[in-house]
Amino acid sequence: MPSEYVENAHSDDSTRSTHGCDDSAMALKILVAGGFGAGKTTLVGAVSDIRPLRTEEPLSAAGRDVDDTEGVARKTVSTVAMDFGRITIHAGLSLYLFGTPGQDRFWFLWDELSEGALAAVVLADTRRLENCFAAVDYFERRRIPFVVAVNRFPGAPVYAEHDVSHALDLDRGTPVVLCDARDRDSGKDVLIRTVEYAGRVHTARLLDSVS
């Protein structure tokens, strides 16, 4: 994988997982993006080995006038900067997770958060599938590999992966996976798929550049 996506972390004990193994050999940055209320904060919190950093604030009456809360009327707080967590996939490999804010008015933060990212997870809610169009377009334009993870909300419409791919007009080969953002194992599977896919994409680009 390109060296700019790999960080060596040898600074202190904070780079060790809660299981006590040294995860300092390789650290990869992954963004967790998607529409407002898609489950980004939930996913980061569910998989993180450390207590996640959250920047949630209560939704205000003024904010409800500019944020699209249709379908998530029970949501009372929102991320205003980022979420941060860390998970050790196996000894020697950790993922640093940066959850992006979902509201349009915080899009100016995305460029900073995406700097140096290996890949991204775009969380999708089938009740509001159109809300992840902007994230899909963002990563496609910047050639950042991403996986679309359909968060299975209770009572939400159920669609096959290829139907979601068609509805979002994804580039051929972009993975679509089903997940439960509340479940650690489900979220970890999504992240493993994301790293594997990003590895294939970056390897293919490297081979193309030297051919």
C-alpha atoms as a PDB file:
ATOM      1  CA  MET A   1       0.000   0.000   0.000  1.00  0.00           C
ATOM      2  CA  PRO A   2       1.204   3.553  -0.644  1.00  0.00           C
ATOM      3  CA  SER A   3       3.392   4.800   2.173  1.00  0.00           C
ATOM      4  CA  GLU A   4       1.408   8.011   2.579  1.00  0.00           C
ATOM      5  CA  TYR A   5      -1.499   5.995   3.944  1.00  0.00           C
ATOM      6  CA  VAL A   6       0.562   4.266   6.594  1.00  0.00           C
ATOM      7  CA  GLU A   7       1.520   5.825   9.893  1.00  0.00           C
ATOM      8  CA  ASN A   8       4.051   4.381  12.318  1.00  0.00           C
ATOM      9  CA  ALA A   9       2.937   4.897  15.870  1.00  0.00           C
ATOM     10  CA  HIS A  10       5.632   4.229  18.438  1.00  0.00           C
ATOM     11  CA  SER A  11       4.988   7.125  20.763  1.00  0.00           C
ATOM     12  CA  ASP A  12       3.416   5.727  23.955  1.00  0.00           C
ATOM     13  CA  ASP A  13       1.173   3.140  25.534  1.00  0.00           C
ATOM     14  CA  SER A  14      -1.891   4.775  23.973  1.00  0.00           C
ATOM     15  CA  THR A  15      -0.949   2.994  20.758  1.00  0.00           C
ATOM     16  CA  ARG A  16      -1.539  -0.385  22.400  1.00  0.00           C
ATOM     17  CA  SER A  17      -4.893  -2.090  22.190  1.00  0.00           C
ATOM     18  CA  THR A  18      -7.047  -2.927  25.177  1.00  0.00           C
ATOM     19  CA  HIS A  19      -5.930  -6.540  24.758  1.00  0.00           C
ATOM     20  CA  GLY A  20      -2.349  -5.542  25.502  1.00  0.00           C
ATOM     21  CA  CYS A  21      -0.804  -6.318  22.117  1.00  0.00           C
ATOM     22  CA  ASP A  22       1.447  -3.833  20.405  1.00  0.00           C
ATOM     23  CA  ASP A  23      -0.447  -2.411  17.445  1.00  0.00           C
ATOM     24  CA  SER A  24       2.172   0.184  16.578  1.00  0.00           C
ATOM     25  CA  ALA A  25       3.546  -1.425  13.410  1.00  0.00           C
ATOM     26  CA  MET A  26       0.927  -0.041  11.029  1.00  0.00           C
ATOM     27  CA  ALA A  27      -1.963   2.375  11.480  1.00  0.00           C
ATOM     28  CA  LEU A  28      -4.415   3.113   8.671  1.00  0.00           C
ATOM     29  CA  LYS A  29      -6.865   5.988   8.532  1.00  0.00           C
ATOM     30  CA  ILE A  30     -10.458   5.147   7.590  1.00  0.00           C
ATOM     31  CA  LEU A  31     -13.300   7.641   7.217  1.00  0.00           C
ATOM     32  CA  VAL A  32     -16.833   6.752   8.258  1.00  0.00           C
ATOM     33  CA  ALA A  33     -19.224   8.898   6.258  1.00  0.00           C
ATOM     34  CA  GLY A  34     -22.825   9.002   5.116  1.00  0.00           C
ATOM     35  CA  GLY A  35     -25.999  10.988   5.461  1.00  0.00           C
ATOM     36  CA  PHE A  36     -27.446  12.612   8.545  1.00  0.00           C
ATOM     37  CA  GLY A  37     -28.561   9.958  11.021  1.00  0.00           C
ATOM     38  CA  ALA A  38     -27.131   7.010   9.068  1.00  0.00           C
ATOM     39  CA  GLY A  39     -25.315   5.572  12.095  1.00  0.00           C
ATOM     40  CA  LYS A  40     -21.762   6.880  11.817  1.00  0.00           C
ATOM     41  CA  THR A  41     -21.308   7.671  15.503  1.00  0.00           C
ATOM     42  CA  THR A  42     -22.916   4.365  16.428  1.00  0.00           C
ATOM     43  CA  LEU A  43     -20.543   2.360  14.217  1.00  0.00           C
ATOM     44  CA  VAL A  44     -17.406   4.082  15.498  1.00  0.00           C
ATOM     45  CA  GLY A  45     -18.514   3.594  19.089  1.00  0.00           C
ATOM     46  CA  ALA A  46     -19.456  -0.050  18.582  1.00  0.00           C
ATOM     47  CA  VAL A  47     -16.115  -1.168  17.135  1.00  0.00           C
ATOM     48  CA  SER A  48     -13.635   1.096  18.940  1.00  0.00           C
ATOM     49  CA  ASP A  49     -11.185  -0.526  21.361  1.00  0.00           C
ATOM     50  CA  ILE A  50     -10.828   2.791  23.148  1.00  0.00           C
ATOM     51  CA  ARG A  51     -13.413   5.167  24.494  1.00  0.00           C
ATOM     52  CA  PRO A  52     -14.465   7.036  21.337  1.00  0.00           C
ATOM     53  CA  LEU A  53     -14.120  10.766  21.003  1.00  0.00           C
ATOM     54  CA  ARG A  54     -17.450  12.320  20.124  1.00  0.00           C
ATOM     55  CA  THR A  55     -18.391  15.896  19.282  1.00  0.00           C
ATOM     56  CA  GLU A  56     -22.151  15.602  19.574  1.00  0.00           C
ATOM     57  CA  GLU A  57     -24.367  18.541  20.393  1.00  0.00           C
ATOM     58  CA  PRO A  58     -28.139  18.647  20.961  1.00  0.00           C
ATOM     59  CA  LEU A  59     -30.205  19.508  17.918  1.00  0.00           C
ATOM     60  CA  SER A  60     -31.576  23.009  18.257  1.00  0.00           C
ATOM     61  CA  ALA A  61     -34.736  24.508  16.842  1.00  0.00           C
ATOM     62  CA  ALA A  62     -32.570  26.666  14.563  1.00  0.00           C
ATOM     63  CA  GLY A  63     -30.668  23.615  13.338  1.00  0.00           C
ATOM     64  CA  ARG A  64     -33.853  21.749  12.519  1.00  0.00           C
ATOM     65  CA  ASP A  65     -34.704  24.551  10.107  1.00  0.00           C
ATOM     66  CA  VAL A  66     -31.587  23.809   8.011  1.00  0.00           C
ATOM     67  CA  ASP A  67     -30.965  20.076   8.631  1.00  0.00           C
ATOM     68  CA  ASP A  68     -33.037  17.461   6.848  1.00  0.00           C
ATOM     69  CA  THR A  69     -34.399  15.356   9.730  1.00  0.00           C
ATOM     70  CA  GLU A  70     -37.117  13.584   7.764  1.00  0.00           C
ATOM     71  CA  GLY A  71     -37.087   9.922   8.764  1.00  0.00           C
ATOM     72  CA  VAL A  72     -34.933  10.546  11.846  1.00  0.00           C
ATOM     73  CA  ALA A  73     -37.298  12.717  13.847  1.00  0.00           C
ATOM     74  CA  ARG A  74     -36.304  10.978  17.105  1.00  0.00           C
ATOM     75  CA  LYS A  75     -32.659  11.987  16.694  1.00  0.00           C
ATOM     76  CA  THR A  76     -31.794  14.486  19.435  1.00  0.00           C
ATOM     77  CA  VAL A  77     -28.027  15.013  18.990  1.00  0.00           C
ATOM     78  CA  SER A  78     -25.694  15.410  16.044  1.00  0.00           C
ATOM     79  CA  THR A  79     -21.947  15.298  15.330  1.00  0.00           C
ATOM     80  CA  VAL A  80     -20.626  18.796  14.718  1.00  0.00           C
ATOM     81  CA  ALA A  81     -16.938  18.064  14.047  1.00  0.00           C
ATOM     82  CA  MET A  82     -15.982  14.387  14.001  1.00  0.00           C
ATOM     83  CA  ASP A  83     -16.036  11.074  15.812  1.00  0.00           C
ATOM     84  CA  PHE A  84     -12.789   9.259  16.524  1.00  0.00           C
ATOM     85  CA  GLY A  85     -12.071   5.670  17.499  1.00  0.00           C
ATOM     86  CA  ARG A  86      -9.428   2.991  17.094  1.00  0.00           C
ATOM     87  CA  ILE A  87      -9.690  -0.729  16.481  1.00  0.00           C
ATOM     88  CA  THR A  88      -6.947  -3.345  16.296  1.00  0.00           C
ATOM     89  CA  ILE A  89      -7.765  -5.718  13.442  1.00  0.00           C
ATOM     90  CA  HIS A  90      -4.895  -8.033  14.318  1.00  0.00           C
ATOM     91  CA  ALA A  91      -1.460  -7.742  15.916  1.00  0.00           C
ATOM     92  CA  GLY A  92       0.465  -5.078  14.037  1.00  0.00           C
ATOM     93  CA  LEU A  93      -2.503  -3.467  12.261  1.00  0.00           C
ATOM     94  CA  SER A  94      -4.779  -0.801  13.693  1.00  0.00           C
ATOM     95  CA  LEU A  95      -7.421   1.339  12.071  1.00  0.00           C
ATOM     96  CA  TYR A  96      -7.960   4.920  13.110  1.00  0.00           C
ATOM     97  CA  LEU A  97     -11.600   5.793  12.460  1.00  0.00           C
ATOM     98  CA  PHE A  98     -12.762   9.318  11.704  1.00  0.00           C
ATOM     99  CA  GLY A  99     -16.510   9.814  11.527  1.00  0.00           C
ATOM    100  CA  THR A 100     -17.597  12.787   9.439  1.00  0.00           C
ATOM    101  CA  PRO A 101     -20.485  15.120  10.284  1.00  0.00           C
ATOM    102  CA  GLY A 102     -23.559  14.404   8.187  1.00  0.00           C
ATOM    103  CA  GLN A 103     -25.095  17.851   7.799  1.00  0.00           C
ATOM    104  CA  ASP A 104     -24.415  19.886   4.680  1.00  0.00           C
ATOM    105  CA  ARG A 105     -23.346  22.914   6.737  1.00  0.00           C
ATOM    106  CA  PHE A 106     -20.318  20.994   8.068  1.00  0.00           C
ATOM    107  CA  TRP A 107     -19.003  19.810   4.707  1.00  0.00           C
ATOM    108  CA  PHE A 108     -16.049  22.172   4.930  1.00  0.00           C
ATOM    109  CA  LEU A 109     -14.541  19.751   7.503  1.00  0.00           C
ATOM    110  CA  TRP A 110     -14.433  16.820   5.091  1.00  0.00           C
ATOM    111  CA  ASP A 111     -11.321  17.924   3.215  1.00  0.00           C
ATOM    112  CA  GLU A 112      -9.320  18.069   6.443  1.00  0.00           C
ATOM    113  CA  LEU A 113     -10.663  14.756   7.709  1.00  0.00           C
ATOM    114  CA  SER A 114      -9.982  12.956   4.419  1.00  0.00           C
ATOM    115  CA  GLU A 115      -6.321  13.992   4.279  1.00  0.00           C
ATOM    116  CA  GLY A 116      -4.207  10.825   4.268  1.00  0.00           C
ATOM    117  CA  ALA A 117      -7.163   8.441   4.395  1.00  0.00           C
ATOM    118  CA  LEU A 118      -6.668   4.960   2.971  1.00  0.00           C
ATOM    119  CA  ALA A 119     -10.376   4.425   2.353  1.00  0.00           C
ATOM    120  CA  ALA A 120     -13.878   5.204   3.554  1.00  0.00           C
ATOM    121  CA  VAL A 121     -17.072   3.514   4.665  1.00  0.00           C
ATOM    122  CA  VAL A 122     -20.250   5.172   3.389  1.00  0.00           C
ATOM    123  CA  LEU A 123     -23.155   4.232   5.642  1.00  0.00           C
ATOM    124  CA  ALA A 124     -26.494   4.076   3.862  1.00  0.00           C
ATOM    125  CA  ASP A 125     -30.020   4.098   5.258  1.00  0.00           C
ATOM    126  CA  THR A 126     -32.517   2.590   2.820  1.00  0.00           C
ATOM    127  CA  ARG A 127     -35.238   4.866   4.195  1.00  0.00           C
ATOM    128  CA  ARG A 128     -33.198   7.857   2.972  1.00  0.00           C
ATOM    129  CA  LEU A 129     -30.851   6.348   0.407  1.00  0.00           C
ATOM    130  CA  GLU A 130     -30.489   9.614  -1.478  1.00  0.00           C
ATOM    131  CA  ASN A 131     -28.734  11.116   1.556  1.00  0.00           C
ATOM    132  CA  CYS A 132     -25.520   9.223   0.810  1.00  0.00           C
ATOM    133  CA  PHE A 133     -25.263  10.432  -2.824  1.00  0.00           C
ATOM    134  CA  ALA A 134     -23.086  13.352  -1.752  1.00  0.00           C
ATOM    135  CA  ALA A 135     -20.622  11.106   0.121  1.00  0.00           C
ATOM    136  CA  VAL A 136     -20.419   8.680  -2.806  1.00  0.00           C
ATOM    137  CA  ASP A 137     -19.717  11.552  -5.186  1.00  0.00           C
ATOM    138  CA  TYR A 138     -17.134  13.047  -2.823  1.00  0.00           C
ATOM    139  CA  PHE A 139     -15.028   9.883  -2.627  1.00  0.00           C
ATOM    140  CA  GLU A 140     -15.389   9.037  -6.304  1.00  0.00           C
ATOM    141  CA  ARG A 141     -14.151  12.501  -7.304  1.00  0.00           C
ATOM    142  CA  ARG A 142     -11.161  12.234  -4.980  1.00  0.00           C
ATOM    143  CA  ARG A 143     -10.445   8.633  -5.963  1.00  0.00           C
ATOM    144  CA  ILE A 144     -10.633   7.438  -2.369  1.00  0.00           C
ATOM    145  CA  PRO A 145     -11.738   3.778  -2.335  1.00  0.00           C
ATOM    146  CA  PHE A 146     -14.924   3.211  -0.366  1.00  0.00           C
ATOM    147  CA  VAL A 147     -17.404   0.536   0.617  1.00  0.00           C
ATOM    148  CA  VAL A 148     -21.127   1.224   0.949  1.00  0.00           C
ATOM    149  CA  ALA A 149     -22.431  -0.329   4.169  1.00  0.00           C
ATOM    150  CA  VAL A 150     -26.225  -0.572   4.327  1.00  0.00           C
ATOM    151  CA  ASN A 151     -27.197  -0.073   7.961  1.00  0.00           C
ATOM    152  CA  ARG A 152     -30.169  -2.332   8.616  1.00  0.00           C
ATOM    153  CA  PHE A 153     -32.501  -0.148  10.648  1.00  0.00           C
ATOM    154  CA  PRO A 154     -35.553  -1.925  12.140  1.00  0.00           C
ATOM    155  CA  GLY A 155     -38.486  -1.568   9.764  1.00  0.00           C
ATOM    156  CA  ALA A 156     -36.397  -0.095   6.943  1.00  0.00           C
ATOM    157  CA  PRO A 157     -36.936  -1.410   3.382  1.00  0.00           C
ATOM    158  CA  VAL A 158     -34.689  -4.362   2.544  1.00  0.00           C
ATOM    159  CA  TYR A 159     -32.901  -4.403  -0.810  1.00  0.00           C
ATOM    160  CA  ALA A 160     -30.306  -6.715  -2.318  1.00  0.00           C
ATOM    161  CA  GLU A 161     -26.757  -5.421  -2.597  1.00  0.00           C
ATOM    162  CA  HIS A 162     -26.895  -5.160  -6.405  1.00  0.00           C
ATOM    163  CA  ASP A 163     -30.108  -3.104  -6.183  1.00  0.00           C
ATOM    164  CA  VAL A 164     -28.432  -0.625  -3.834  1.00  0.00           C
ATOM    165  CA  SER A 165     -25.410  -0.468  -6.136  1.00  0.00           C
ATOM    166  CA  HIS A 166     -27.667   0.288  -9.111  1.00  0.00           C
ATOM    167  CA  ALA A 167     -29.687   2.901  -7.196  1.00  0.00           C
ATOM    168  CA  LEU A 168     -26.505   4.727  -6.168  1.00  0.00           C
ATOM    169  CA  ASP A 169     -24.958   4.353  -9.658  1.00  0.00           C
ATOM    170  CA  LEU A 170     -21.749   3.016  -8.128  1.00  0.00           C
ATOM    171  CA  ASP A 171     -18.657   2.379 -10.186  1.00  0.00           C
ATOM    172  CA  ARG A 172     -18.285  -1.263 -11.128  1.00  0.00           C
ATOM    173  CA  GLY A 173     -16.631  -3.258  -8.362  1.00  0.00           C
ATOM    174  CA  THR A 174     -17.489  -0.904  -5.484  1.00  0.00           C
ATOM    175  CA  PRO A 175     -18.588  -3.259  -2.680  1.00  0.00           C
ATOM    176  CA  VAL A 176     -21.986  -3.021  -1.023  1.00  0.00           C
ATOM    177  CA  VAL A 177     -22.373  -4.861   2.279  1.00  0.00           C
ATOM    178  CA  LEU A 178     -25.176  -5.199   4.808  1.00  0.00           C
ATOM    179  CA  CYS A 179     -24.436  -4.385   8.417  1.00  0.00           C
ATOM    180  CA  ASP A 180     -25.793  -3.528  11.837  1.00  0.00           C
ATOM    181  CA  ALA A 181     -23.890  -0.468  13.033  1.00  0.00           C
ATOM    182  CA  ARG A 182     -24.721  -1.359  16.650  1.00  0.00           C
ATOM    183  CA  ASP A 183     -22.965  -4.719  16.460  1.00  0.00           C
ATOM    184  CA  ARG A 184     -19.181  -4.850  16.927  1.00  0.00           C
ATOM    185  CA  ASP A 185     -18.645  -7.989  14.848  1.00  0.00           C
ATOM    186  CA  SER A 186     -20.774  -6.643  12.005  1.00  0.00           C
ATOM    187  CA  GLY A 187     -18.914  -3.330  12.016  1.00  0.00           C
ATOM    188  CA  LYS A 188     -15.543  -5.082  12.167  1.00  0.00           C
ATOM    189  CA  ASP A 189     -16.484  -7.167   9.115  1.00  0.00           C
ATOM    190  CA  VAL A 190     -17.290  -3.962   7.220  1.00  0.00           C
ATOM    191  CA  LEU A 191     -13.903  -2.491   8.110  1.00  0.00           C
ATOM    192  CA  ILE A 192     -12.040  -5.633   7.062  1.00  0.00           C
ATOM    193  CA  ARG A 193     -13.847  -5.597   3.716  1.00  0.00           C
ATOM    194  CA  THR A 194     -12.945  -1.927   3.337  1.00  0.00           C
ATOM    195  CA  VAL A 195      -9.224  -2.482   3.977  1.00  0.00           C
ATOM    196  CA  GLU A 196      -9.131  -5.487   1.638  1.00  0.00           C
ATOM    197  CA  TYR A 197     -10.880  -3.560  -1.138  1.00  0.00           C
ATOM    198  CA  ALA A 198      -8.671  -0.500  -0.676  1.00  0.00           C
ATOM    199  CA  GLY A 199      -5.587  -2.709  -0.841  1.00  0.00           C
ATOM    200  CA  ARG A 200      -6.679  -4.132  -4.188  1.00  0.00           C
ATOM    201  CA  VAL A 201      -7.470  -0.680  -5.588  1.00  0.00           C
ATOM    202  CA  HIS A 202      -4.190   0.895  -4.508  1.00  0.00           C
ATOM    203  CA  THR A 203      -2.201  -2.101  -5.751  1.00  0.00           C
ATOM    204  CA  ALA A 204      -3.888  -1.912  -9.163  1.00  0.00           C
ATOM    205  CA  ARG A 205      -3.163   1.823  -9.376  1.00  0.00           C
ATOM    206  CA  LEU A 206       0.481   1.235  -8.466  1.00  0.00           C
ATOM    207  CA  LEU A 207       0.835  -1.428 -11.156  1.00  0.00           C
ATOM    208  CA  ASP A 208      -0.824   0.860 -13.719  1.00  0.00           C
ATOM    209  CA  SER A 209       1.592   3.659 -12.861  1.00  0.00           C
ATOM    210  CA  VAL A 210       4.669   1.528 -13.518  1.00  0.00           C
ATOM    211  CA  SER A 211       3.384  -0.339 -16.561  1.00  0.00           C
END
